Structures are given as C-alpha cells and as structure tokens.
PDB file of all heavy atoms in Angstrom:
ATOM      1  N   VAL A   1      49.785 299.797 -38.676  1.00  0.00           N
ATOM      2  CA  VAL A   1      48.587 300.395 -38.111  1.00  0.00           C
ATOM      3  C   VAL A   1      48.667 301.893 -38.408  1.00  0.00           C
ATOM      4  O   VAL A   1      49.549 302.580 -37.900  1.00  0.00           O
ATOM      5  CB  VAL A   1      48.492 300.140 -36.592  1.00  0.00           C
ATOM      6  CG1 VAL A   1      47.276 300.837 -36.012  1.00  0.00           C
ATOM      7  CG2 VAL A   1      48.441 298.639 -36.305  1.00  0.00           C
ATOM      8  N   VAL A   2      47.762 302.375 -39.260  1.00  0.00           N
ATOM      9  CA  VAL A   2      47.792 303.786 -39.647  1.00  0.00           C
ATOM     10  C   VAL A   2      46.922 304.651 -38.748  1.00  0.00           C
ATOM     11  O   VAL A   2      47.071 305.875 -38.733  1.00  0.00           O
ATOM     12  CB  VAL A   2      47.398 303.989 -41.128  1.00  0.00           C
ATOM     13  CG1 VAL A   2      48.429 303.346 -42.047  1.00  0.00           C
ATOM     14  CG2 VAL A   2      46.004 303.471 -41.420  1.00  0.00           C
ATOM     15  N   ALA A   3      46.025 304.013 -37.979  1.00  0.00           N
ATOM     16  CA  ALA A   3      45.195 304.744 -37.020  1.00  0.00           C
ATOM     17  C   ALA A   3      44.604 303.751 -36.035  1.00  0.00           C
ATOM     18  O   ALA A   3      44.410 302.572 -36.355  1.00  0.00           O
ATOM     19  CB  ALA A   3      44.081 305.512 -37.719  1.00  0.00           C
ATOM     20  N   GLU A   4      44.338 304.266 -34.849  1.00  0.00           N
ATOM     21  CA  GLU A   4      43.650 303.491 -33.830  1.00  0.00           C
ATOM     22  C   GLU A   4      42.378 304.236 -33.456  1.00  0.00           C
ATOM     23  O   GLU A   4      42.354 305.469 -33.477  1.00  0.00           O
ATOM     24  CB  GLU A   4      44.536 303.313 -32.592  1.00  0.00           C
ATOM     25  CG  GLU A   4      45.766 302.485 -32.859  1.00  0.00           C
ATOM     26  CD  GLU A   4      46.638 302.300 -31.627  1.00  0.00           C
ATOM     27  OE1 GLU A   4      46.217 302.684 -30.514  1.00  0.00           O
ATOM     28  OE2 GLU A   4      47.747 301.775 -31.782  1.00  0.00           O
ATOM     29  N   ALA A   5      41.346 303.469 -33.132  1.00  0.00           N
ATOM     30  CA  ALA A   5      40.069 304.058 -32.744  1.00  0.00           C
ATOM     31  C   ALA A   5      39.563 303.338 -31.506  1.00  0.00           C
ATOM     32  O   ALA A   5      39.726 302.123 -31.384  1.00  0.00           O
ATOM     33  CB  ALA A   5      39.062 303.918 -33.881  1.00  0.00           C
ATOM     34  N   SER A   6      38.957 304.091 -30.594  1.00  0.00           N
ATOM     35  CA  SER A   6      38.410 303.472 -29.390  1.00  0.00           C
ATOM     36  C   SER A   6      36.887 303.478 -29.384  1.00  0.00           C
ATOM     37  O   SER A   6      36.269 302.937 -28.478  1.00  0.00           O
ATOM     38  CB  SER A   6      38.946 304.183 -28.136  1.00  0.00           C
ATOM     39  OG  SER A   6      38.578 305.541 -28.146  1.00  0.00           O
ATOM     40  N   THR A   7      36.288 304.082 -30.419  1.00  0.00           N
ATOM     41  CA  THR A   7      34.824 304.099 -30.553  1.00  0.00           C
ATOM     42  C   THR A   7      34.451 303.788 -32.002  1.00  0.00           C
ATOM     43  O   THR A   7      35.282 303.917 -32.905  1.00  0.00           O
ATOM     44  CB  THR A   7      34.232 305.478 -30.191  1.00  0.00           C
ATOM     45  OG1 THR A   7      34.601 306.425 -31.192  1.00  0.00           O
ATOM     46  CG2 THR A   7      34.681 305.956 -28.816  1.00  0.00           C
ATOM     47  N   GLY A   8      33.205 303.447 -32.192  1.00  0.00           N
ATOM     48  CA  GLY A   8      32.732 303.201 -33.546  1.00  0.00           C
ATOM     49  C   GLY A   8      32.779 304.449 -34.413  1.00  0.00           C
ATOM     50  O   GLY A   8      33.123 304.384 -35.596  1.00  0.00           O
ATOM     51  N   HIS A   9      32.445 305.588 -33.826  1.00  0.00           N
ATOM     52  CA  HIS A   9      32.487 306.849 -34.582  1.00  0.00           C
ATOM     53  C   HIS A   9      33.908 307.160 -35.046  1.00  0.00           C
ATOM     54  O   HIS A   9      34.113 307.566 -36.194  1.00  0.00           O
ATOM     55  CB  HIS A   9      31.936 308.001 -33.742  1.00  0.00           C
ATOM     56  CG  HIS A   9      30.473 307.894 -33.471  1.00  0.00           C
ATOM     57  ND1 HIS A   9      29.507 308.072 -34.445  1.00  0.00           N
ATOM     58  CD2 HIS A   9      29.794 307.604 -32.332  1.00  0.00           C
ATOM     59  CE1 HIS A   9      28.305 307.903 -33.926  1.00  0.00           C
ATOM     60  NE2 HIS A   9      28.452 307.612 -32.641  1.00  0.00           N
ATOM     61  N   GLU A  10      34.895 306.951 -34.164  1.00  0.00           N
ATOM     62  CA  GLU A  10      36.295 307.186 -34.539  1.00  0.00           C
ATOM     63  C   GLU A  10      36.720 306.224 -35.653  1.00  0.00           C
ATOM     64  O   GLU A  10      37.461 306.609 -36.556  1.00  0.00           O
ATOM     65  CB  GLU A  10      37.219 306.999 -33.335  1.00  0.00           C
ATOM     66  CG  GLU A  10      37.113 308.079 -32.288  1.00  0.00           C
ATOM     67  CD  GLU A  10      37.955 307.793 -31.060  1.00  0.00           C
ATOM     68  OE1 GLU A  10      38.663 306.745 -31.003  1.00  0.00           O
ATOM     69  OE2 GLU A  10      37.908 308.602 -30.118  1.00  0.00           O
ATOM     70  N   ALA A  11      36.242 304.990 -35.599  1.00  0.00           N
ATOM     71  CA  ALA A  11      36.588 303.996 -36.621  1.00  0.00           C
ATOM     72  C   ALA A  11      36.044 304.401 -37.985  1.00  0.00           C
ATOM     73  O   ALA A  11      36.743 304.322 -38.993  1.00  0.00           O
ATOM     74  CB  ALA A  11      36.061 302.617 -36.223  1.00  0.00           C
ATOM     75  N   VAL A  12      34.799 304.858 -38.027  1.00  0.00           N
ATOM     76  CA  VAL A  12      34.191 305.286 -39.285  1.00  0.00           C
ATOM     77  C   VAL A  12      34.953 306.482 -39.842  1.00  0.00           C
ATOM     78  O   VAL A  12      35.297 306.518 -41.038  1.00  0.00           O
ATOM     79  CB  VAL A  12      32.691 305.633 -39.098  1.00  0.00           C
ATOM     80  CG1 VAL A  12      32.109 306.250 -40.359  1.00  0.00           C
ATOM     81  CG2 VAL A  12      31.908 304.384 -38.694  1.00  0.00           C
ATOM     82  N   GLU A  13      35.245 307.456 -38.998  1.00  0.00           N
ATOM     83  CA  GLU A  13      35.964 308.657 -39.437  1.00  0.00           C
ATOM     84  C   GLU A  13      37.338 308.294 -39.993  1.00  0.00           C
ATOM     85  O   GLU A  13      37.727 308.731 -41.068  1.00  0.00           O
ATOM     86  CB  GLU A  13      36.098 309.647 -38.265  1.00  0.00           C
ATOM     87  CG  GLU A  13      36.670 310.994 -38.655  1.00  0.00           C
ATOM     88  CD  GLU A  13      38.186 311.005 -38.754  1.00  0.00           C
ATOM     89  OE1 GLU A  13      38.864 310.298 -37.997  1.00  0.00           O
ATOM     90  OE2 GLU A  13      38.703 311.735 -39.627  1.00  0.00           O
ATOM     91  N   ALA A  14      38.087 307.459 -39.272  1.00  0.00           N
ATOM     92  CA  ALA A  14      39.433 307.071 -39.715  1.00  0.00           C
ATOM     93  C   ALA A  14      39.376 306.270 -41.010  1.00  0.00           C
ATOM     94  O   ALA A  14      40.182 306.470 -41.920  1.00  0.00           O
ATOM     95  CB  ALA A  14      40.137 306.274 -38.623  1.00  0.00           C
ATOM     96  N   ALA A  15      38.416 305.359 -41.110  1.00  0.00           N
ATOM     97  CA  ALA A  15      38.300 304.528 -42.317  1.00  0.00           C
ATOM     98  C   ALA A  15      38.010 305.378 -43.551  1.00  0.00           C
ATOM     99  O   ALA A  15      38.624 305.187 -44.599  1.00  0.00           O
ATOM    100  CB  ALA A  15      37.212 303.474 -42.128  1.00  0.00           C
ATOM    101  N   CYS A  16      37.094 306.316 -43.422  1.00  0.00           N
ATOM    102  CA  CYS A  16      36.717 307.127 -44.583  1.00  0.00           C
ATOM    103  C   CYS A  16      37.773 308.174 -44.910  1.00  0.00           C
ATOM    104  O   CYS A  16      37.957 308.528 -46.074  1.00  0.00           O
ATOM    105  CB  CYS A  16      35.352 307.760 -44.351  1.00  0.00           C
ATOM    106  SG  CYS A  16      34.018 306.524 -44.357  1.00  0.00           S
ATOM    107  N   ARG A  17      38.487 308.655 -43.917  1.00  0.00           N
ATOM    108  CA  ARG A  17      39.527 309.665 -44.158  1.00  0.00           C
ATOM    109  C   ARG A  17      40.797 309.037 -44.718  1.00  0.00           C
ATOM    110  O   ARG A  17      41.396 309.544 -45.654  1.00  0.00           O
ATOM    111  CB  ARG A  17      39.845 310.396 -42.847  1.00  0.00           C
ATOM    112  CG  ARG A  17      40.948 311.442 -42.960  1.00  0.00           C
ATOM    113  CD  ARG A  17      41.121 312.247 -41.677  1.00  0.00           C
ATOM    114  NE  ARG A  17      41.137 311.467 -40.465  1.00  0.00           N
ATOM    115  CZ  ARG A  17      42.228 310.900 -39.931  1.00  0.00           C
ATOM    116  NH1 ARG A  17      43.394 311.036 -40.518  1.00  0.00           N
ATOM    117  NH2 ARG A  17      42.144 310.217 -38.807  1.00  0.00           N
ATOM    118  N   LEU A  18      41.203 307.882 -44.174  1.00  0.00           N
ATOM    119  CA  LEU A  18      42.488 307.277 -44.536  1.00  0.00           C
ATOM    120  C   LEU A  18      42.390 306.223 -45.635  1.00  0.00           C
ATOM    121  O   LEU A  18      43.399 305.858 -46.228  1.00  0.00           O
ATOM    122  CB  LEU A  18      43.139 306.663 -43.290  1.00  0.00           C
ATOM    123  CG  LEU A  18      43.476 307.651 -42.183  1.00  0.00           C
ATOM    124  CD1 LEU A  18      43.894 306.908 -40.923  1.00  0.00           C
ATOM    125  CD2 LEU A  18      44.562 308.608 -42.642  1.00  0.00           C
ATOM    126  N   LYS A  19      41.207 305.681 -45.857  1.00  0.00           N
ATOM    127  CA  LYS A  19      41.009 304.628 -46.866  1.00  0.00           C
ATOM    128  C   LYS A  19      42.040 303.501 -46.708  1.00  0.00           C
ATOM    129  O   LYS A  19      42.804 303.202 -47.629  1.00  0.00           O
ATOM    130  CB  LYS A  19      41.089 305.196 -48.280  1.00  0.00           C
ATOM    131  CG  LYS A  19      40.158 306.351 -48.554  1.00  0.00           C
ATOM    132  CD  LYS A  19      38.754 305.902 -48.794  1.00  0.00           C
ATOM    133  CE  LYS A  19      37.878 306.987 -49.372  1.00  0.00           C
ATOM    134  NZ  LYS A  19      37.238 307.831 -48.410  1.00  0.00           N
ATOM    135  N   PRO A  20      42.076 302.866 -45.529  1.00  0.00           N
ATOM    136  CA  PRO A  20      43.042 301.781 -45.312  1.00  0.00           C
ATOM    137  C   PRO A  20      42.664 300.549 -46.128  1.00  0.00           C
ATOM    138  O   PRO A  20      41.564 300.458 -46.673  1.00  0.00           O
ATOM    139  CB  PRO A  20      42.908 301.501 -43.811  1.00  0.00           C
ATOM    140  CG  PRO A  20      41.467 301.802 -43.539  1.00  0.00           C
ATOM    141  CD  PRO A  20      41.165 303.013 -44.406  1.00  0.00           C
ATOM    142  N   ASP A  21      43.572 299.594 -46.167  1.00  0.00           N
ATOM    143  CA  ASP A  21      43.266 298.323 -46.819  1.00  0.00           C
ATOM    144  C   ASP A  21      42.256 297.532 -46.000  1.00  0.00           C
ATOM    145  O   ASP A  21      41.474 296.755 -46.548  1.00  0.00           O
ATOM    146  CB  ASP A  21      44.544 297.494 -46.982  1.00  0.00           C
ATOM    147  CG  ASP A  21      45.554 298.197 -47.857  1.00  0.00           C
ATOM    148  OD1 ASP A  21      45.213 298.501 -49.015  1.00  0.00           O
ATOM    149  OD2 ASP A  21      46.677 298.456 -47.386  1.00  0.00           O
ATOM    150  N   LEU A  22      42.292 297.741 -44.675  1.00  0.00           N
ATOM    151  CA  LEU A  22      41.462 296.930 -43.792  1.00  0.00           C
ATOM    152  C   LEU A  22      41.207 297.667 -42.483  1.00  0.00           C
ATOM    153  O   LEU A  22      42.090 298.361 -41.978  1.00  0.00           O
ATOM    154  CB  LEU A  22      42.179 295.613 -43.489  1.00  0.00           C
ATOM    155  CG  LEU A  22      41.392 294.511 -42.811  1.00  0.00           C
ATOM    156  CD1 LEU A  22      40.385 293.897 -43.776  1.00  0.00           C
ATOM    157  CD2 LEU A  22      42.323 293.431 -42.313  1.00  0.00           C
ATOM    158  N   VAL A  23      39.995 297.496 -41.953  1.00  0.00           N
ATOM    159  CA  VAL A  23      39.672 297.941 -40.598  1.00  0.00           C
ATOM    160  C   VAL A  23      39.462 296.683 -39.775  1.00  0.00           C
ATOM    161  O   VAL A  23      38.645 295.832 -40.135  1.00  0.00           O
ATOM    162  CB  VAL A  23      38.401 298.811 -40.546  1.00  0.00           C
ATOM    163  CG1 VAL A  23      38.038 299.152 -39.101  1.00  0.00           C
ATOM    164  CG2 VAL A  23      38.574 300.066 -41.377  1.00  0.00           C
ATOM    165  N   LEU A  24      40.222 296.552 -38.712  1.00  0.00           N
ATOM    166  CA  LEU A  24      40.042 295.458 -37.766  1.00  0.00           C
ATOM    167  C   LEU A  24      39.135 295.998 -36.673  1.00  0.00           C
ATOM    168  O   LEU A  24      39.529 296.864 -35.892  1.00  0.00           O
ATOM    169  CB  LEU A  24      41.401 295.019 -37.215  1.00  0.00           C
ATOM    170  CG  LEU A  24      41.477 293.683 -36.510  1.00  0.00           C
ATOM    171  CD1 LEU A  24      40.964 292.547 -37.392  1.00  0.00           C
ATOM    172  CD2 LEU A  24      42.912 293.401 -36.088  1.00  0.00           C
ATOM    173  N   MET A  25      37.883 295.541 -36.644  1.00  0.00           N
ATOM    174  CA  MET A  25      36.807 296.166 -35.875  1.00  0.00           C
ATOM    175  C   MET A  25      36.327 295.300 -34.718  1.00  0.00           C
ATOM    176  O   MET A  25      35.760 294.222 -34.923  1.00  0.00           O
ATOM    177  CB  MET A  25      35.622 296.417 -36.819  1.00  0.00           C
ATOM    178  CG  MET A  25      34.415 297.039 -36.188  1.00  0.00           C
ATOM    179  SD  MET A  25      34.578 298.795 -35.945  1.00  0.00           S
ATOM    180  CE  MET A  25      34.494 299.391 -37.631  1.00  0.00           C
ATOM    181  N   ASP A  26      36.570 295.787 -33.505  1.00  0.00           N
ATOM    182  CA  ASP A  26      35.988 295.145 -32.325  1.00  0.00           C
ATOM    183  C   ASP A  26      34.470 295.274 -32.428  1.00  0.00           C
ATOM    184  O   ASP A  26      33.959 296.309 -32.867  1.00  0.00           O
ATOM    185  CB  ASP A  26      36.513 295.828 -31.063  1.00  0.00           C
ATOM    186  CG  ASP A  26      36.001 295.206 -29.776  1.00  0.00           C
ATOM    187  OD1 ASP A  26      35.565 294.031 -29.791  1.00  0.00           O
ATOM    188  OD2 ASP A  26      36.041 295.891 -28.742  1.00  0.00           O
ATOM    189  N   ILE A  27      33.771 294.258 -32.032  1.00  0.00           N
ATOM    190  CA  ILE A  27      32.307 294.299 -32.126  1.00  0.00           C
ATOM    191  C   ILE A  27      31.705 295.137 -31.012  1.00  0.00           C
ATOM    192  O   ILE A  27      30.756 295.877 -31.214  1.00  0.00           O
ATOM    193  CB  ILE A  27      31.729 292.858 -32.108  1.00  0.00           C
ATOM    194  CG1 ILE A  27      32.139 292.146 -33.389  1.00  0.00           C
ATOM    195  CG2 ILE A  27      30.221 292.878 -31.953  1.00  0.00           C
ATOM    196  CD1 ILE A  27      31.746 290.697 -33.445  1.00  0.00           C
ATOM    197  N   SER A  28      32.286 295.070 -29.835  1.00  0.00           N
ATOM    198  CA  SER A  28      31.737 295.768 -28.661  1.00  0.00           C
ATOM    199  C   SER A  28      32.447 297.099 -28.449  1.00  0.00           C
ATOM    200  O   SER A  28      33.365 297.207 -27.651  1.00  0.00           O
ATOM    201  CB  SER A  28      31.895 294.899 -27.416  1.00  0.00           C
ATOM    202  OG  SER A  28      31.251 293.663 -27.590  1.00  0.00           O
ATOM    203  N   LEU A  29      32.016 298.114 -29.182  1.00  0.00           N
ATOM    204  CA  LEU A  29      32.562 299.460 -29.019  1.00  0.00           C
ATOM    205  C   LEU A  29      31.506 300.350 -28.370  1.00  0.00           C
ATOM    206  O   LEU A  29      30.310 300.139 -28.583  1.00  0.00           O
ATOM    207  CB  LEU A  29      32.954 300.047 -30.382  1.00  0.00           C
ATOM    208  CG  LEU A  29      34.110 299.366 -31.106  1.00  0.00           C
ATOM    209  CD1 LEU A  29      34.256 299.925 -32.513  1.00  0.00           C
ATOM    210  CD2 LEU A  29      35.398 299.538 -30.329  1.00  0.00           C
ATOM    211  N   PRO A  30      31.940 301.340 -27.596  1.00  0.00           N
ATOM    212  CA  PRO A  30      30.959 302.236 -26.964  1.00  0.00           C
ATOM    213  C   PRO A  30      30.306 303.164 -27.984  1.00  0.00           C
ATOM    214  O   PRO A  30      30.887 303.486 -29.020  1.00  0.00           O
ATOM    215  CB  PRO A  30      31.814 303.030 -25.970  1.00  0.00           C
ATOM    216  CG  PRO A  30      33.197 302.971 -26.486  1.00  0.00           C
ATOM    217  CD  PRO A  30      33.314 301.662 -27.220  1.00  0.00           C
ATOM    218  N   GLY A  31      29.092 303.569 -27.670  1.00  0.00           N
ATOM    219  CA  GLY A  31      28.355 304.461 -28.578  1.00  0.00           C
ATOM    220  C   GLY A  31      27.889 303.690 -29.789  1.00  0.00           C
ATOM    221  O   GLY A  31      26.965 302.886 -29.715  1.00  0.00           O
ATOM    222  N   LEU A  32      28.550 303.907 -30.881  1.00  0.00           N
ATOM    223  CA  LEU A  32      28.277 303.193 -32.129  1.00  0.00           C
ATOM    224  C   LEU A  32      29.041 301.873 -32.075  1.00  0.00           C
ATOM    225  O   LEU A  32      30.268 301.865 -32.131  1.00  0.00           O
ATOM    226  CB  LEU A  32      28.740 304.058 -33.308  1.00  0.00           C
ATOM    227  CG  LEU A  32      28.412 303.583 -34.706  1.00  0.00           C
ATOM    228  CD1 LEU A  32      26.911 303.687 -34.963  1.00  0.00           C
ATOM    229  CD2 LEU A  32      29.177 304.415 -35.720  1.00  0.00           C
ATOM    230  N   ASP A  33      28.330 300.759 -31.945  1.00  0.00           N
ATOM    231  CA  ASP A  33      29.045 299.479 -31.812  1.00  0.00           C
ATOM    232  C   ASP A  33      29.679 299.061 -33.134  1.00  0.00           C
ATOM    233  O   ASP A  33      29.481 299.694 -34.174  1.00  0.00           O
ATOM    234  CB  ASP A  33      28.130 298.383 -31.248  1.00  0.00           C
ATOM    235  CG  ASP A  33      27.023 297.943 -32.199  1.00  0.00           C
ATOM    236  OD1 ASP A  33      27.130 298.149 -33.426  1.00  0.00           O
ATOM    237  OD2 ASP A  33      26.045 297.359 -31.705  1.00  0.00           O
ATOM    238  N   GLY A  34      30.473 298.005 -33.082  1.00  0.00           N
ATOM    239  CA  GLY A  34      31.211 297.553 -34.259  1.00  0.00           C
ATOM    240  C   GLY A  34      30.329 297.134 -35.416  1.00  0.00           C
ATOM    241  O   GLY A  34      30.696 297.312 -36.583  1.00  0.00           O
ATOM    242  N   VAL A  35      29.169 296.594 -35.132  1.00  0.00           N
ATOM    243  CA  VAL A  35      28.245 296.176 -36.194  1.00  0.00           C
ATOM    244  C   VAL A  35      27.725 297.405 -36.932  1.00  0.00           C
ATOM    245  O   VAL A  35      27.767 297.476 -38.166  1.00  0.00           O
ATOM    246  CB  VAL A  35      27.083 295.326 -35.619  1.00  0.00           C
ATOM    247  CG1 VAL A  35      26.068 294.988 -36.695  1.00  0.00           C
ATOM    248  CG2 VAL A  35      27.620 294.054 -34.957  1.00  0.00           C
TER     249      VAL A  35
END
C-alpha cells in the first residue's frame, strides 16, 4: 500500500501523483464518491 485515502479527492490526487498499479476504491466516500 503506497498511499491511503479517506475521500474521493484524496484518492484522485494520490492516484495521479503516485501512478500505482491499482487503486482499490470504496464506492461510498465522502464528498467525491468512489464512482
């Protein structure tokens, strides 16, 4: 696990900054949901 995110915005930022092999995305995230 190279990063953890608790919101959709954090997930997008981490994914684009770190370019991981995979993002495991909860669907029900606050603010910007997983979809």
